[in-house]
């Protein structure tokens, strides 16, 4: 297993973590579409955006992508491989749970642990759980990487669709806002997200489904897409990979194949 070891230390609980790691999508249709609402755009972590957008809503922009990997946090172990059997791992993600159990079936992965980052780290400090996994992108944005014990490689933990990518949605009839948003768009990220979301939509998945997908530009400048779907208990894991031109139509095709 390939891990990047950062450090082990007492977990730091910052007051800034009173908010959730990512702001959950709050009815884009009601916030963007009503005529009396002055809101014309809505930035959001794209992982939480449904594959089918509300009517009259588009997602034309993605900001440059953060690190897509997952962070392992523990006070007692340097990595998942170092955890003793029956160790309790905290995660609210079926994607993480299925991939962990596929490699380490002796671990006790609990998917019912929820709460903001502060709550999750407090459970570690109190000994309720022995480890937790969080998106590294969120920890970086909160300046909380000092809590990270190690970083899981893409090979060990394929990320969620659109992980690390912030998207900006707007009304489909708002040409002025769409033009402004276009100046903020990072096209390489947007195309990768389009490919990944096409894969998720084809499988009729959501952020609560054990599905993973990641598209990136390889050394040859082409798109390398990797996808995964698993049973919640990790006993079955199906993986696929495809390579093709880094262009929107080709990348959508790679996602839906």
C-alpha atoms as a PDB file:
ATOM      1  CA  UNK A   1       0.000   0.000   0.000  1.00  0.00           C
ATOM      2  CA  UNK A   2       1.316   3.454  -0.902  1.00  0.00           C
ATOM      3  CA  UNK A   3       0.850   6.139   1.705  1.00  0.00           C
ATOM      4  CA  UNK A   4       2.297   9.606   2.128  1.00  0.00           C
ATOM      5  CA  UNK A   5       3.026   9.959   5.843  1.00  0.00           C
ATOM      6  CA  UNK A   6       2.675  13.470   7.198  1.00  0.00           C
ATOM      7  CA  UNK A   7       2.754  13.398  11.002  1.00  0.00           C
ATOM      8  CA  UNK A   8       1.103  12.032  14.143  1.00  0.00           C
ATOM      9  CA  UNK A   9      -0.015  14.481  16.815  1.00  0.00           C
ATOM     10  CA  UNK A  10      -2.846  15.408  19.133  1.00  0.00           C
ATOM     11  CA  UNK A  11      -5.826  16.428  17.034  1.00  0.00           C
ATOM     12  CA  UNK A  12      -6.430  20.159  16.831  1.00  0.00           C
ATOM     13  CA  UNK A  13     -10.062  21.279  17.193  1.00  0.00           C
ATOM     14  CA  UNK A  14     -10.521  24.733  15.722  1.00  0.00           C
ATOM     15  CA  UNK A  15     -13.616  26.916  16.297  1.00  0.00           C
ATOM     16  CA  UNK A  16     -13.766  27.475  12.532  1.00  0.00           C
ATOM     17  CA  UNK A  17     -14.930  23.859  12.203  1.00  0.00           C
ATOM     18  CA  UNK A  18     -18.368  24.619  13.639  1.00  0.00           C
ATOM     19  CA  UNK A  19     -19.558  24.454  10.033  1.00  0.00           C
ATOM     20  CA  UNK A  20     -19.715  21.141   8.129  1.00  0.00           C
ATOM     21  CA  UNK A  21     -16.751  20.165   5.995  1.00  0.00           C
ATOM     22  CA  UNK A  22     -18.826  20.854   2.894  1.00  0.00           C
ATOM     23  CA  UNK A  23     -22.018  22.907   2.661  1.00  0.00           C
ATOM     24  CA  UNK A  24     -24.731  20.506   1.539  1.00  0.00           C
ATOM     25  CA  UNK A  25     -26.792  21.412  -1.484  1.00  0.00           C
ATOM     26  CA  UNK A  26     -29.821  23.412  -0.369  1.00  0.00           C
ATOM     27  CA  UNK A  27     -32.469  23.172  -3.060  1.00  0.00           C
ATOM     28  CA  UNK A  28     -30.885  24.909  -6.019  1.00  0.00           C
ATOM     29  CA  UNK A  29     -34.262  25.085  -7.657  1.00  0.00           C
ATOM     30  CA  UNK A  30     -35.719  27.245  -4.859  1.00  0.00           C
ATOM     31  CA  UNK A  31     -32.621  29.423  -4.431  1.00  0.00           C
ATOM     32  CA  UNK A  32     -31.795  30.125  -8.068  1.00  0.00           C
ATOM     33  CA  UNK A  33     -34.985  29.939 -10.060  1.00  0.00           C
ATOM     34  CA  UNK A  34     -37.628  32.162  -8.344  1.00  0.00           C
ATOM     35  CA  UNK A  35     -37.926  35.558 -10.027  1.00  0.00           C
ATOM     36  CA  UNK A  36     -38.133  37.418  -6.714  1.00  0.00           C
ATOM     37  CA  UNK A  37     -34.844  35.898  -5.533  1.00  0.00           C
ATOM     38  CA  UNK A  38     -31.785  38.069  -6.195  1.00  0.00           C
ATOM     39  CA  UNK A  39     -29.474  35.060  -6.056  1.00  0.00           C
ATOM     40  CA  UNK A  40     -28.076  34.393  -9.521  1.00  0.00           C
ATOM     41  CA  UNK A  41     -25.276  31.910  -8.853  1.00  0.00           C
ATOM     42  CA  UNK A  42     -24.518  29.244  -6.274  1.00  0.00           C
ATOM     43  CA  UNK A  43     -20.980  27.952  -5.606  1.00  0.00           C
ATOM     44  CA  UNK A  44     -20.970  24.409  -4.267  1.00  0.00           C
ATOM     45  CA  UNK A  45     -18.786  21.377  -3.818  1.00  0.00           C
ATOM     46  CA  UNK A  46     -19.657  19.367  -6.930  1.00  0.00           C
ATOM     47  CA  UNK A  47     -19.582  16.040  -5.074  1.00  0.00           C
ATOM     48  CA  UNK A  48     -22.934  16.956  -3.501  1.00  0.00           C
ATOM     49  CA  UNK A  49     -24.641  18.155  -6.680  1.00  0.00           C
ATOM     50  CA  UNK A  50     -27.305  15.690  -7.922  1.00  0.00           C
ATOM     51  CA  UNK A  51     -26.627  14.091 -11.303  1.00  0.00           C
ATOM     52  CA  UNK A  52     -29.957  15.523 -12.513  1.00  0.00           C
ATOM     53  CA  UNK A  53     -30.031  19.273 -11.928  1.00  0.00           C
ATOM     54  CA  UNK A  54     -33.278  21.120 -11.126  1.00  0.00           C
ATOM     55  CA  UNK A  55     -35.131  22.634 -14.075  1.00  0.00           C
ATOM     56  CA  UNK A  56     -33.697  25.909 -15.411  1.00  0.00           C
ATOM     57  CA  UNK A  57     -30.398  25.284 -13.609  1.00  0.00           C
ATOM     58  CA  UNK A  58     -27.001  24.636 -15.224  1.00  0.00           C
ATOM     59  CA  UNK A  59     -23.525  23.885 -13.898  1.00  0.00           C
ATOM     60  CA  UNK A  60     -21.231  25.631 -16.419  1.00  0.00           C
ATOM     61  CA  UNK A  61     -18.180  26.283 -14.264  1.00  0.00           C
ATOM     62  CA  UNK A  62     -15.649  24.493 -12.075  1.00  0.00           C
ATOM     63  CA  UNK A  63     -12.806  26.124 -10.187  1.00  0.00           C
ATOM     64  CA  UNK A  64      -9.312  24.545 -10.288  1.00  0.00           C
ATOM     65  CA  UNK A  65      -9.500  21.166  -8.571  1.00  0.00           C
ATOM     66  CA  UNK A  66      -7.988  20.533  -5.166  1.00  0.00           C
ATOM     67  CA  UNK A  67      -6.275  17.304  -4.139  1.00  0.00           C
ATOM     68  CA  UNK A  68      -8.746  14.468  -4.787  1.00  0.00           C
ATOM     69  CA  UNK A  69      -7.283  11.993  -2.290  1.00  0.00           C
ATOM     70  CA  UNK A  70      -8.700  10.911   1.074  1.00  0.00           C
ATOM     71  CA  UNK A  71      -6.957  11.571   4.369  1.00  0.00           C
ATOM     72  CA  UNK A  72      -6.498   8.925   7.086  1.00  0.00           C
ATOM     73  CA  UNK A  73      -6.598  10.317  10.632  1.00  0.00           C
ATOM     74  CA  UNK A  74      -5.756   8.268  13.716  1.00  0.00           C
ATOM     75  CA  UNK A  75      -4.069   8.658  17.087  1.00  0.00           C
ATOM     76  CA  UNK A  76      -2.984   5.022  17.267  1.00  0.00           C
ATOM     77  CA  UNK A  77      -2.012   3.892  13.744  1.00  0.00           C
ATOM     78  CA  UNK A  78      -0.029   5.240  10.827  1.00  0.00           C
ATOM     79  CA  UNK A  79      -2.293   3.715   8.173  1.00  0.00           C
ATOM     80  CA  UNK A  80      -5.290   1.442   7.625  1.00  0.00           C
ATOM     81  CA  UNK A  81      -2.914  -1.510   7.375  1.00  0.00           C
ATOM     82  CA  UNK A  82      -1.597  -0.805  10.889  1.00  0.00           C
ATOM     83  CA  UNK A  83      -5.002  -0.923  12.590  1.00  0.00           C
ATOM     84  CA  UNK A  84      -5.632  -4.079  14.639  1.00  0.00           C
ATOM     85  CA  UNK A  85      -8.648  -6.277  13.798  1.00  0.00           C
ATOM     86  CA  UNK A  86     -12.052  -4.970  14.961  1.00  0.00           C
ATOM     87  CA  UNK A  87     -10.799  -1.373  15.091  1.00  0.00           C
ATOM     88  CA  UNK A  88     -13.685   1.050  14.641  1.00  0.00           C
ATOM     89  CA  UNK A  89     -13.420   3.418  11.674  1.00  0.00           C
ATOM     90  CA  UNK A  90     -15.729   6.405  11.379  1.00  0.00           C
ATOM     91  CA  UNK A  91     -17.089   7.299   7.946  1.00  0.00           C
ATOM     92  CA  UNK A  92     -20.350   8.558   6.514  1.00  0.00           C
ATOM     93  CA  UNK A  93     -19.370   7.308   3.045  1.00  0.00           C
ATOM     94  CA  UNK A  94     -20.415   3.963   1.580  1.00  0.00           C
ATOM     95  CA  UNK A  95     -17.720   4.473  -1.060  1.00  0.00           C
ATOM     96  CA  UNK A  96     -15.011   4.563   1.601  1.00  0.00           C
ATOM     97  CA  UNK A  97     -16.607   1.777   3.640  1.00  0.00           C
ATOM     98  CA  UNK A  98     -16.781  -0.664   0.722  1.00  0.00           C
ATOM     99  CA  UNK A  99     -13.188  -0.023  -0.378  1.00  0.00           C
ATOM    100  CA  UNK A 100     -11.840  -0.343   3.167  1.00  0.00           C
ATOM    101  CA  UNK A 101     -13.683  -3.604   3.821  1.00  0.00           C
ATOM    102  CA  UNK A 102     -12.592  -5.000   0.470  1.00  0.00           C
ATOM    103  CA  UNK A 103      -8.938  -4.704   1.541  1.00  0.00           C
ATOM    104  CA  UNK A 104      -9.318  -5.024   5.317  1.00  0.00           C
ATOM    105  CA  UNK A 105     -12.425  -7.141   6.094  1.00  0.00           C
ATOM    106  CA  UNK A 106     -11.440  -7.506   9.752  1.00  0.00           C
ATOM    107  CA  UNK A 107     -12.008  -3.796  10.457  1.00  0.00           C
ATOM    108  CA  UNK A 108     -15.262  -2.466  11.879  1.00  0.00           C
ATOM    109  CA  UNK A 109     -16.338   0.346   9.546  1.00  0.00           C
ATOM    110  CA  UNK A 110     -19.279   2.324  10.891  1.00  0.00           C
ATOM    111  CA  UNK A 111     -21.150   4.404   8.313  1.00  0.00           C
ATOM    112  CA  UNK A 112     -23.619   5.969  10.762  1.00  0.00           C
ATOM    113  CA  UNK A 113     -21.134   8.471  12.198  1.00  0.00           C
ATOM    114  CA  UNK A 114     -22.035  11.954  11.032  1.00  0.00           C
ATOM    115  CA  UNK A 115     -21.265  15.535  11.954  1.00  0.00           C
ATOM    116  CA  UNK A 116     -18.861  18.298  11.074  1.00  0.00           C
ATOM    117  CA  UNK A 117     -15.087  17.935  11.194  1.00  0.00           C
ATOM    118  CA  UNK A 118     -14.944  19.092  14.810  1.00  0.00           C
ATOM    119  CA  UNK A 119     -17.384  16.351  15.857  1.00  0.00           C
ATOM    120  CA  UNK A 120     -15.487  13.686  13.928  1.00  0.00           C
ATOM    121  CA  UNK A 121     -12.142  14.655  15.479  1.00  0.00           C
ATOM    122  CA  UNK A 122     -13.653  14.802  18.957  1.00  0.00           C
ATOM    123  CA  UNK A 123     -14.749  11.163  18.622  1.00  0.00           C
ATOM    124  CA  UNK A 124     -11.140  10.259  17.902  1.00  0.00           C
ATOM    125  CA  UNK A 125      -9.849  12.188  20.896  1.00  0.00           C
ATOM    126  CA  UNK A 126     -12.448  10.540  23.137  1.00  0.00           C
ATOM    127  CA  UNK A 127     -11.567   7.053  21.879  1.00  0.00           C
ATOM    128  CA  UNK A 128     -15.012   6.361  20.446  1.00  0.00           C
ATOM    129  CA  UNK A 129     -13.354   5.422  17.153  1.00  0.00           C
ATOM    130  CA  UNK A 130      -9.788   4.498  16.259  1.00  0.00           C
ATOM    131  CA  UNK A 131      -9.657   6.214  12.863  1.00  0.00           C
ATOM    132  CA  UNK A 132     -11.590   8.367  10.452  1.00  0.00           C
ATOM    133  CA  UNK A 133     -11.323   9.227   6.765  1.00  0.00           C
ATOM    134  CA  UNK A 134     -12.027  12.696   5.372  1.00  0.00           C
ATOM    135  CA  UNK A 135     -11.565  14.377   2.014  1.00  0.00           C
ATOM    136  CA  UNK A 136      -8.134  15.984   1.934  1.00  0.00           C
ATOM    137  CA  UNK A 137      -9.501  18.852  -0.163  1.00  0.00           C
ATOM    138  CA  UNK A 138     -11.835  19.955   2.626  1.00  0.00           C
ATOM    139  CA  UNK A 139      -9.111  19.761   5.261  1.00  0.00           C
ATOM    140  CA  UNK A 140      -6.822  21.864   3.074  1.00  0.00           C
ATOM    141  CA  UNK A 141      -9.505  24.498   2.584  1.00  0.00           C
ATOM    142  CA  UNK A 142      -9.997  24.626   6.352  1.00  0.00           C
ATOM    143  CA  UNK A 143      -6.222  24.736   6.968  1.00  0.00           C
ATOM    144  CA  UNK A 144      -6.527  21.552   9.030  1.00  0.00           C
ATOM    145  CA  UNK A 145      -3.955  19.272   7.396  1.00  0.00           C
ATOM    146  CA  UNK A 146      -1.970  19.171  10.649  1.00  0.00           C
ATOM    147  CA  UNK A 147      -4.496  16.555  11.796  1.00  0.00           C
ATOM    148  CA  UNK A 148      -3.731  14.201   8.886  1.00  0.00           C
ATOM    149  CA  UNK A 149      -1.841  11.026   9.745  1.00  0.00           C
ATOM    150  CA  UNK A 150      -1.400   9.788   6.174  1.00  0.00           C
ATOM    151  CA  UNK A 151      -2.843  10.268   2.705  1.00  0.00           C
ATOM    152  CA  UNK A 152      -4.339   7.335   0.824  1.00  0.00           C
ATOM    153  CA  UNK A 153      -3.174   6.901  -2.743  1.00  0.00           C
ATOM    154  CA  UNK A 154      -5.650   6.782  -5.626  1.00  0.00           C
ATOM    155  CA  UNK A 155      -4.862   3.082  -6.007  1.00  0.00           C
ATOM    156  CA  UNK A 156      -5.855   2.422  -2.390  1.00  0.00           C
ATOM    157  CA  UNK A 157      -8.957   4.632  -2.287  1.00  0.00           C
ATOM    158  CA  UNK A 158     -10.542   5.801  -5.527  1.00  0.00           C
ATOM    159  CA  UNK A 159     -12.186   9.176  -4.836  1.00  0.00           C
ATOM    160  CA  UNK A 160     -15.808  10.155  -5.123  1.00  0.00           C
ATOM    161  CA  UNK A 161     -17.057  11.603  -8.372  1.00  0.00           C
ATOM    162  CA  UNK A 162     -16.057  15.302  -8.542  1.00  0.00           C
ATOM    163  CA  UNK A 163     -14.183  15.127  -5.226  1.00  0.00           C
ATOM    164  CA  UNK A 164     -12.146  18.290  -4.662  1.00  0.00           C
ATOM    165  CA  UNK A 165     -14.003  20.239  -7.354  1.00  0.00           C
ATOM    166  CA  UNK A 166     -16.048  23.336  -6.546  1.00  0.00           C
ATOM    167  CA  UNK A 167     -18.745  24.078  -9.114  1.00  0.00           C
ATOM    168  CA  UNK A 168     -20.808  27.199  -9.702  1.00  0.00           C
ATOM    169  CA  UNK A 169     -24.416  26.773 -10.791  1.00  0.00           C
ATOM    170  CA  UNK A 170     -26.629  29.464 -12.273  1.00  0.00           C
ATOM    171  CA  UNK A 171     -29.976  29.875 -14.000  1.00  0.00           C
ATOM    172  CA  UNK A 172     -30.015  28.643 -17.559  1.00  0.00           C
ATOM    173  CA  UNK A 173     -31.668  31.869 -18.769  1.00  0.00           C
ATOM    174  CA  UNK A 174     -29.128  34.198 -17.134  1.00  0.00           C
ATOM    175  CA  UNK A 175     -26.718  34.888 -20.006  1.00  0.00           C
ATOM    176  CA  UNK A 176     -24.950  37.718 -18.188  1.00  0.00           C
ATOM    177  CA  UNK A 177     -24.130  35.560 -15.173  1.00  0.00           C
ATOM    178  CA  UNK A 178     -23.110  32.629 -17.373  1.00  0.00           C
ATOM    179  CA  UNK A 179     -20.677  34.909 -19.212  1.00  0.00           C
ATOM    180  CA  UNK A 180     -19.175  36.105 -15.921  1.00  0.00           C
ATOM    181  CA  UNK A 181     -18.891  32.568 -14.560  1.00  0.00           C
ATOM    182  CA  UNK A 182     -17.150  31.469 -17.756  1.00  0.00           C
ATOM    183  CA  UNK A 183     -14.212  33.724 -16.863  1.00  0.00           C
ATOM    184  CA  UNK A 184     -13.759  31.738 -13.635  1.00  0.00           C
ATOM    185  CA  UNK A 185     -13.969  28.310 -15.251  1.00  0.00           C
ATOM    186  CA  UNK A 186     -11.032  25.880 -15.181  1.00  0.00           C
ATOM    187  CA  UNK A 187     -11.735  23.841 -18.303  1.00  0.00           C
ATOM    188  CA  UNK A 188      -9.540  20.842 -17.449  1.00  0.00           C
ATOM    189  CA  UNK A 189     -11.406  20.398 -14.170  1.00  0.00           C
ATOM    190  CA  UNK A 190     -14.797  20.948 -15.794  1.00  0.00           C
ATOM    191  CA  UNK A 191     -14.171  18.264 -18.414  1.00  0.00           C
ATOM    192  CA  UNK A 192     -12.979  15.788 -15.777  1.00  0.00           C
ATOM    193  CA  UNK A 193     -16.118  16.437 -13.728  1.00  0.00           C
ATOM    194  CA  UNK A 194     -18.323  16.030 -16.814  1.00  0.00           C
ATOM    195  CA  UNK A 195     -16.737  12.623 -17.473  1.00  0.00           C
ATOM    196  CA  UNK A 196     -17.118  11.472 -13.872  1.00  0.00           C
ATOM    197  CA  UNK A 197     -20.706  12.700 -13.551  1.00  0.00           C
ATOM    198  CA  UNK A 198     -21.624  10.917 -16.805  1.00  0.00           C
ATOM    199  CA  UNK A 199     -20.390   7.684 -15.207  1.00  0.00           C
ATOM    200  CA  UNK A 200     -22.385   8.353 -12.033  1.00  0.00           C
ATOM    201  CA  UNK A 201     -25.523   9.223 -13.980  1.00  0.00           C
ATOM    202  CA  UNK A 202     -25.260   6.081 -16.101  1.00  0.00           C
ATOM    203  CA  UNK A 203     -25.201   3.973 -12.932  1.00  0.00           C
ATOM    204  CA  UNK A 204     -28.003   6.104 -11.428  1.00  0.00           C
ATOM    205  CA  UNK A 205     -25.785   6.807  -8.427  1.00  0.00           C
ATOM    206  CA  UNK A 206     -25.481   9.570  -5.852  1.00  0.00           C
ATOM    207  CA  UNK A 207     -23.130  10.639  -3.057  1.00  0.00           C
ATOM    208  CA  UNK A 208     -24.788   7.893  -0.944  1.00  0.00           C
ATOM    209  CA  UNK A 209     -23.879   5.087  -3.378  1.00  0.00           C
ATOM    210  CA  UNK A 210     -20.682   2.952  -3.223  1.00  0.00           C
ATOM    211  CA  UNK A 211     -19.467   4.354  -6.556  1.00  0.00           C
ATOM    212  CA  UNK A 212     -16.137   6.043  -7.252  1.00  0.00           C
ATOM    213  CA  UNK A 213     -14.845   7.750 -10.363  1.00  0.00           C
ATOM    214  CA  UNK A 214     -11.811   9.798 -11.309  1.00  0.00           C
ATOM    215  CA  UNK A 215     -10.752  11.362 -14.605  1.00  0.00           C
ATOM    216  CA  UNK A 216      -7.408  13.067 -15.119  1.00  0.00           C
ATOM    217  CA  UNK A 217      -4.953  13.981 -17.864  1.00  0.00           C
ATOM    218  CA  UNK A 218      -2.241  11.364 -18.284  1.00  0.00           C
ATOM    219  CA  UNK A 219       1.363  11.832 -19.374  1.00  0.00           C
ATOM    220  CA  UNK A 220       0.344  11.716 -23.040  1.00  0.00           C
ATOM    221  CA  UNK A 221      -2.224  14.469 -22.588  1.00  0.00           C
ATOM    222  CA  UNK A 222      -5.149  12.073 -22.929  1.00  0.00           C
ATOM    223  CA  UNK A 223      -7.919  11.425 -20.422  1.00  0.00           C
ATOM    224  CA  UNK A 224      -7.474   8.479 -18.092  1.00  0.00           C
ATOM    225  CA  UNK A 225     -10.753   7.537 -16.445  1.00  0.00           C
ATOM    226  CA  UNK A 226     -11.079   5.023 -13.630  1.00  0.00           C
ATOM    227  CA  UNK A 227     -14.426   3.894 -12.237  1.00  0.00           C
ATOM    228  CA  UNK A 228     -15.529   1.605  -9.420  1.00  0.00           C
ATOM    229  CA  UNK A 229     -18.799   0.217  -8.101  1.00  0.00           C
ATOM    230  CA  UNK A 230     -19.017  -2.019  -5.048  1.00  0.00           C
ATOM    231  CA  UNK A 231     -21.335  -3.768  -2.661  1.00  0.00           C
ATOM    232  CA  UNK A 232     -21.642  -1.916   0.672  1.00  0.00           C
ATOM    233  CA  UNK A 233     -19.875  -4.739   2.534  1.00  0.00           C
ATOM    234  CA  UNK A 234     -16.929  -4.727   0.122  1.00  0.00           C
ATOM    235  CA  UNK A 235     -17.304  -8.350  -0.908  1.00  0.00           C
ATOM    236  CA  UNK A 236     -17.797  -7.354  -4.562  1.00  0.00           C
ATOM    237  CA  UNK A 237     -15.828  -4.604  -6.263  1.00  0.00           C
ATOM    238  CA  UNK A 238     -15.993  -3.989 -10.002  1.00  0.00           C
ATOM    239  CA  UNK A 239     -13.441  -1.652 -11.577  1.00  0.00           C
ATOM    240  CA  UNK A 240     -12.941  -0.230 -15.047  1.00  0.00           C
ATOM    241  CA  UNK A 241     -10.463   2.090 -16.742  1.00  0.00           C
ATOM    242  CA  UNK A 242     -10.490   3.837 -20.100  1.00  0.00           C
ATOM    243  CA  UNK A 243      -8.202   6.152 -22.059  1.00  0.00           C
ATOM    244  CA  UNK A 244      -9.255   8.611 -24.736  1.00  0.00           C
ATOM    245  CA  UNK A 245      -8.894  12.164 -26.040  1.00  0.00           C
ATOM    246  CA  UNK A 246      -9.216  14.966 -23.477  1.00  0.00           C
ATOM    247  CA  UNK A 247     -12.256  16.453 -25.227  1.00  0.00           C
ATOM    248  CA  UNK A 248     -15.802  16.815 -23.972  1.00  0.00           C
ATOM    249  CA  UNK A 249     -17.621  14.417 -26.308  1.00  0.00           C
ATOM    250  CA  UNK A 250     -14.990  11.706 -25.938  1.00  0.00           C
ATOM    251  CA  UNK A 251     -14.918  12.078 -22.162  1.00  0.00           C
ATOM    252  CA  UNK A 252     -18.700  11.865 -21.873  1.00  0.00           C
ATOM    253  CA  UNK A 253     -18.559   8.709 -23.980  1.00  0.00           C
ATOM    254  CA  UNK A 254     -15.927   7.237 -21.653  1.00  0.00           C
ATOM    255  CA  UNK A 255     -18.203   7.947 -18.694  1.00  0.00           C
ATOM    256  CA  UNK A 256     -21.319   6.352 -20.158  1.00  0.00           C
ATOM    257  CA  UNK A 257     -19.728   3.255 -21.761  1.00  0.00           C
END
